[in-house]
């Protein structure tokens, strides 16, 4: 009898994947094989002893995840307002325990009163339409890039997605310079989580988020735009399509948004004047 992956009894490793016995079928022939599957476990963000949110995530780079989530959800406004981070591994998942400044905790408690029942969908629990969509402050700084630089960064990213190469099941978010050099890569089963991990890593490394661009191996949703703008990133390039709300928010916030960025092609949905093509021939229409 085939024994599948053993259930998670206690999560301790940060590799992000585990071996799994399976049956591979090719050309009508089956054989036993050992595959590697991405870890997906509940991760709770606990602030000053109070659990705020639980997300399914890959248990790697969890401190980056905690800092990025805290910044993009505006629980804190800077990394300096996070005093301590501890990670507890248990049979049911992982708790990331953060100690934050007292005034930010008071703000969070008030926010929890207004948004009870909030989940990872982004707007669940909002009391009315005014609370449903959080509009970040528009960007005060933008960058210009060559279109070729964006594609060069994506080419480099494809070689740096270590966990995806092993499992084929995770998203990546990367930060690259305006010249297309990838500086940081983070991966997760959730596209929002990967971006939060990236933003947290930028904060830890003290890299200027406004000096480069973010690349994501997924579609560009409203939340991806919101997180990027909140972090100060002014260009977001997605390998897949954006949503209408993402395009609208990008335009209003000053974010340059690219979609379908693959095979040396891309579509610019907002602030196209900041993406410079090799031959300045304008555009049709």
Protein backbone atom coordinates (compact mmCIF):
# COMPACT_ATOMS: atom_id res chain seq x y z
CA UNK A 1 0.00 0.00 0.00
CA UNK A 2 1.28 3.47 -0.92
CA UNK A 3 2.00 5.64 2.11
CA UNK A 4 1.52 9.30 1.38
CA UNK A 5 3.19 12.24 3.11
CA UNK A 6 3.12 11.85 6.85
CA UNK A 7 0.82 14.32 8.60
CA UNK A 8 2.41 17.31 10.30
CA UNK A 9 2.86 16.37 13.95
CA UNK A 10 5.16 19.19 14.92
CA UNK A 11 6.37 21.89 12.55
CA UNK A 12 10.00 22.74 13.16
CA UNK A 13 11.85 22.89 9.85
CA UNK A 14 12.12 26.01 7.71
CA UNK A 15 13.01 24.24 4.48
CA UNK A 16 9.55 24.96 3.10
CA UNK A 17 9.05 21.47 1.65
CA UNK A 18 8.92 17.79 2.60
CA UNK A 19 9.32 14.47 0.78
CA UNK A 20 6.20 12.59 -0.26
CA UNK A 21 5.80 9.05 -1.61
CA UNK A 22 3.73 9.02 -4.78
CA UNK A 23 3.04 7.12 -7.99
CA UNK A 24 4.34 8.67 -11.22
CA UNK A 25 2.62 7.74 -14.46
CA UNK A 26 4.17 8.39 -17.88
CA UNK A 27 3.37 6.74 -21.18
CA UNK A 28 0.81 4.56 -19.45
CA UNK A 29 3.43 3.11 -17.09
CA UNK A 30 3.32 3.68 -13.32
CA UNK A 31 6.20 3.60 -10.88
CA UNK A 32 6.81 4.55 -7.26
CA UNK A 33 8.50 7.90 -6.82
CA UNK A 34 9.50 10.34 -4.13
CA UNK A 35 8.21 13.84 -4.73
CA UNK A 36 8.77 17.07 -2.84
CA UNK A 37 5.73 19.09 -1.85
CA UNK A 38 5.57 22.64 -0.51
CA UNK A 39 4.74 23.06 3.18
CA UNK A 40 1.49 24.88 3.94
CA UNK A 41 0.77 25.42 7.63
CA UNK A 42 -1.31 27.81 9.75
CA UNK A 43 0.76 30.80 10.86
CA UNK A 44 -0.72 33.08 13.52
CA UNK A 45 0.41 36.69 13.99
CA UNK A 46 0.25 37.47 17.70
CA UNK A 47 0.75 41.07 18.87
CA UNK A 48 1.51 41.75 22.52
CA UNK A 49 -0.13 38.46 23.44
CA UNK A 50 -3.26 38.92 21.29
CA UNK A 51 -3.76 36.80 18.16
CA UNK A 52 -4.70 39.05 15.25
CA UNK A 53 -4.67 36.92 12.10
CA UNK A 54 -4.02 33.35 10.98
CA UNK A 55 -2.81 32.61 7.46
CA UNK A 56 -1.79 29.48 5.61
CA UNK A 57 1.84 29.99 4.66
CA UNK A 58 5.15 28.33 3.94
CA UNK A 59 7.15 28.18 7.20
CA UNK A 60 10.28 29.91 5.90
CA UNK A 61 11.45 33.51 6.38
CA UNK A 62 8.78 33.95 9.04
CA UNK A 63 10.39 37.01 10.64
CA UNK A 64 10.37 38.71 7.23
CA UNK A 65 6.72 37.67 6.88
CA UNK A 66 5.81 39.11 10.27
CA UNK A 67 7.52 42.44 9.63
CA UNK A 68 6.16 42.76 6.11
CA UNK A 69 2.61 41.88 7.15
CA UNK A 70 2.79 44.35 10.04
CA UNK A 71 3.97 47.13 7.72
CA UNK A 72 1.60 46.50 4.81
CA UNK A 73 -1.41 46.14 7.11
CA UNK A 74 -0.28 49.39 8.79
CA UNK A 75 -0.19 47.74 12.21
CA UNK A 76 3.15 49.52 12.56
CA UNK A 77 4.52 52.32 10.42
CA UNK A 78 8.19 51.39 10.73
CA UNK A 79 10.31 48.40 11.69
CA UNK A 80 11.51 50.32 14.75
CA UNK A 81 8.04 49.94 16.29
CA UNK A 82 8.57 46.17 16.49
CA UNK A 83 10.65 45.48 19.59
CA UNK A 84 10.85 41.68 19.53
CA UNK A 85 9.84 38.65 17.44
CA UNK A 86 9.65 35.07 18.72
CA UNK A 87 8.44 31.99 16.88
CA UNK A 88 6.67 29.09 18.59
CA UNK A 89 6.24 25.81 16.71
CA UNK A 90 3.42 23.53 17.80
CA UNK A 91 1.29 20.61 16.71
CA UNK A 92 -1.39 22.87 15.25
CA UNK A 93 0.88 25.31 13.44
CA UNK A 94 3.14 28.25 14.20
CA UNK A 95 2.70 31.37 16.30
CA UNK A 96 4.82 34.39 15.45
CA UNK A 97 4.78 36.55 18.56
CA UNK A 98 5.58 40.23 18.11
CA UNK A 99 6.05 42.87 20.77
CA UNK A 100 5.09 46.26 19.35
CA UNK A 101 4.93 49.82 20.64
CA UNK A 102 2.10 50.59 23.04
CA UNK A 103 0.47 53.27 20.88
CA UNK A 104 0.44 50.93 17.89
CA UNK A 105 -1.16 48.21 20.01
CA UNK A 106 -3.87 50.62 21.09
CA UNK A 107 -4.47 51.43 17.43
CA UNK A 108 -4.64 47.72 16.59
CA UNK A 109 -7.18 47.06 19.33
CA UNK A 110 -9.38 49.84 17.96
CA UNK A 111 -9.00 48.43 14.47
CA UNK A 112 -10.02 44.99 15.71
CA UNK A 113 -13.20 46.43 17.17
CA UNK A 114 -14.11 47.88 13.78
CA UNK A 115 -13.07 44.87 11.70
CA UNK A 116 -14.06 41.83 13.73
CA UNK A 117 -13.89 38.62 11.76
CA UNK A 118 -11.27 39.86 9.29
CA UNK A 119 -9.70 37.03 7.27
CA UNK A 120 -7.14 36.72 4.52
CA UNK A 121 -9.59 37.71 1.80
CA UNK A 122 -8.71 41.33 2.44
CA UNK A 123 -12.07 42.95 3.18
CA UNK A 124 -14.04 40.34 5.15
CA UNK A 125 -15.44 41.78 8.34
CA UNK A 126 -15.69 45.35 7.07
CA UNK A 127 -18.74 47.06 8.49
CA UNK A 128 -19.54 49.17 5.43
CA UNK A 129 -18.25 50.10 1.98
CA UNK A 130 -16.10 52.92 3.35
CA UNK A 131 -14.16 50.40 5.45
CA UNK A 132 -13.92 47.78 2.71
CA UNK A 133 -11.07 49.28 0.70
CA UNK A 134 -8.05 50.88 2.35
CA UNK A 135 -6.48 53.47 0.07
CA UNK A 136 -2.82 54.00 0.90
CA UNK A 137 -1.26 57.44 0.72
CA UNK A 138 -0.18 58.18 -2.89
CA UNK A 139 3.47 57.67 -3.68
CA UNK A 140 5.65 60.77 -3.50
CA UNK A 141 8.48 59.19 -5.48
CA UNK A 142 8.52 57.18 -8.68
CA UNK A 143 11.21 55.57 -10.82
CA UNK A 144 11.68 55.18 -14.56
CA UNK A 145 12.88 51.89 -16.01
CA UNK A 146 13.82 50.42 -19.33
CA UNK A 147 11.42 47.72 -20.44
CA UNK A 148 14.40 45.46 -21.10
CA UNK A 149 15.50 45.88 -17.47
CA UNK A 150 12.18 44.49 -16.25
CA UNK A 151 12.58 41.40 -18.44
CA UNK A 152 16.21 40.96 -17.42
CA UNK A 153 15.07 40.92 -13.79
CA UNK A 154 12.39 38.32 -14.53
CA UNK A 155 14.97 36.18 -16.36
CA UNK A 156 17.21 36.29 -13.29
CA UNK A 157 14.30 35.61 -10.95
CA UNK A 158 13.41 32.42 -12.83
CA UNK A 159 16.83 31.05 -11.87
CA UNK A 160 16.51 32.07 -8.22
CA UNK A 161 13.18 30.44 -7.34
CA UNK A 162 14.76 27.58 -5.41
CA UNK A 163 11.64 26.35 -3.63
CA UNK A 164 9.57 26.51 -6.81
CA UNK A 165 12.18 24.50 -8.70
CA UNK A 166 11.91 21.78 -6.01
CA UNK A 167 8.12 21.73 -5.58
CA UNK A 168 6.53 23.61 -8.49
CA UNK A 169 3.93 24.94 -6.06
CA UNK A 170 4.97 28.35 -4.74
CA UNK A 171 4.88 31.99 -5.77
CA UNK A 172 7.86 34.33 -5.68
CA UNK A 173 8.23 38.06 -5.08
CA UNK A 174 11.48 39.80 -5.89
CA UNK A 175 13.00 43.26 -5.55
CA UNK A 176 15.25 44.48 -8.34
CA UNK A 177 17.15 47.65 -9.06
CA UNK A 178 15.94 50.01 -11.77
CA UNK A 179 18.65 48.47 -14.00
CA UNK A 180 17.16 44.99 -13.58
CA UNK A 181 19.47 43.40 -11.01
CA UNK A 182 17.59 41.19 -8.54
CA UNK A 183 18.56 41.90 -4.93
CA UNK A 184 16.07 39.92 -2.81
CA UNK A 185 13.75 36.96 -3.48
CA UNK A 186 11.15 35.45 -1.17
CA UNK A 187 8.79 32.51 -1.83
CA UNK A 188 5.54 31.22 -0.37
CA UNK A 189 2.50 29.16 -1.28
CA UNK A 190 0.49 32.40 -1.02
CA UNK A 191 1.23 35.26 -3.41
CA UNK A 192 0.35 37.88 -0.79
CA UNK A 193 2.58 36.13 1.73
CA UNK A 194 5.51 36.14 -0.70
CA UNK A 195 5.15 39.89 -1.18
CA UNK A 196 4.87 40.49 2.57
CA UNK A 197 8.03 38.42 3.10
CA UNK A 198 9.82 40.50 0.47
CA UNK A 199 8.74 43.79 2.06
CA UNK A 200 9.81 42.54 5.47
CA UNK A 201 13.19 41.51 4.07
CA UNK A 202 13.67 44.99 2.59
CA UNK A 203 13.01 46.47 6.02
CA UNK A 204 15.47 44.10 7.72
CA UNK A 205 18.14 44.78 5.09
CA UNK A 206 17.45 48.52 5.23
CA UNK A 207 17.03 48.65 1.45
CA UNK A 208 15.25 51.65 -0.07
CA UNK A 209 11.98 50.24 -1.42
CA UNK A 210 11.47 53.32 -3.56
CA UNK A 211 14.72 52.80 -5.46
CA UNK A 212 13.67 49.70 -7.39
CA UNK A 213 10.81 47.52 -8.58
CA UNK A 214 8.87 44.52 -7.33
CA UNK A 215 8.29 41.43 -9.47
CA UNK A 216 5.60 38.85 -8.71
CA UNK A 217 5.00 35.44 -10.28
CA UNK A 218 1.22 35.74 -10.03
CA UNK A 219 -1.64 38.00 -10.99
CA UNK A 220 -1.75 41.52 -9.59
CA UNK A 221 -4.69 41.92 -7.24
CA UNK A 222 -5.88 45.01 -5.41
CA UNK A 223 -4.06 43.83 -2.29
CA UNK A 224 -0.78 43.38 -4.13
CA UNK A 225 -0.97 46.99 -5.33
CA UNK A 226 -2.00 48.19 -1.88
CA UNK A 227 0.91 46.42 -0.19
CA UNK A 228 3.42 47.72 -2.74
CA UNK A 229 2.28 51.33 -2.42
CA UNK A 230 2.21 51.15 1.38
CA UNK A 231 5.82 49.90 1.31
CA UNK A 232 6.88 52.74 -1.01
CA UNK A 233 7.47 50.57 -4.09
CA UNK A 234 6.54 52.54 -7.20
CA UNK A 235 6.67 49.83 -9.90
CA UNK A 236 5.03 46.42 -9.72
CA UNK A 237 5.44 43.92 -12.55
CA UNK A 238 3.29 40.78 -12.58
CA UNK A 239 3.80 37.72 -14.72
CA UNK A 240 0.02 37.39 -15.11
CA UNK A 241 -2.94 39.75 -15.36
CA UNK A 242 -4.11 42.51 -13.02
CA UNK A 243 -7.67 43.04 -11.82
CA UNK A 244 -9.70 46.15 -12.62
CA UNK A 245 -9.49 47.33 -9.01
CA UNK A 246 -5.72 46.86 -9.03
CA UNK A 247 -5.42 48.99 -12.18
CA UNK A 248 -7.61 51.72 -10.72
CA UNK A 249 -5.73 51.84 -7.43
CA UNK A 250 -2.37 51.83 -9.21
CA UNK A 251 -3.40 54.82 -11.28
CA UNK A 252 -4.70 56.73 -8.28
CA UNK A 253 -1.70 55.90 -6.09
CA UNK A 254 1.05 56.68 -8.58
CA UNK A 255 2.16 53.05 -9.02
CA UNK A 256 3.43 51.89 -12.40
CA UNK A 257 1.70 48.55 -13.00
CA UNK A 258 2.78 45.97 -15.57
CA UNK A 259 1.01 42.71 -16.37
CA UNK A 260 1.64 39.72 -18.64
CA UNK A 261 5.37 40.35 -18.18
CA UNK A 262 6.81 37.32 -19.92
CA UNK A 263 8.38 36.20 -23.20
CA UNK A 264 9.86 39.68 -23.68
CA UNK A 265 6.39 41.22 -23.78
CA UNK A 266 4.40 43.24 -21.24
CA UNK A 267 1.35 45.42 -20.89
CA UNK A 268 1.59 48.70 -18.97
CA UNK A 269 -1.70 49.50 -17.22
CA UNK A 270 -0.80 52.71 -15.39
CA UNK A 271 1.78 55.48 -15.75
CA UNK A 272 3.20 54.11 -18.99
CA UNK A 273 5.41 57.19 -19.38
CA UNK A 274 7.77 55.71 -16.77
CA UNK A 275 8.53 52.57 -18.80
CA UNK A 276 11.02 53.50 -21.49
CA UNK A 277 11.32 51.21 -24.48
CA UNK A 278 14.53 50.74 -26.45
CA UNK A 279 13.18 52.50 -29.50
CA UNK A 280 11.22 55.65 -28.75
CA UNK A 281 8.56 55.30 -31.45
CA UNK A 282 5.57 56.12 -29.32
CA UNK A 283 2.51 53.91 -29.40
CA UNK A 284 -0.44 53.35 -31.64
CA UNK A 285 -3.87 54.59 -30.72
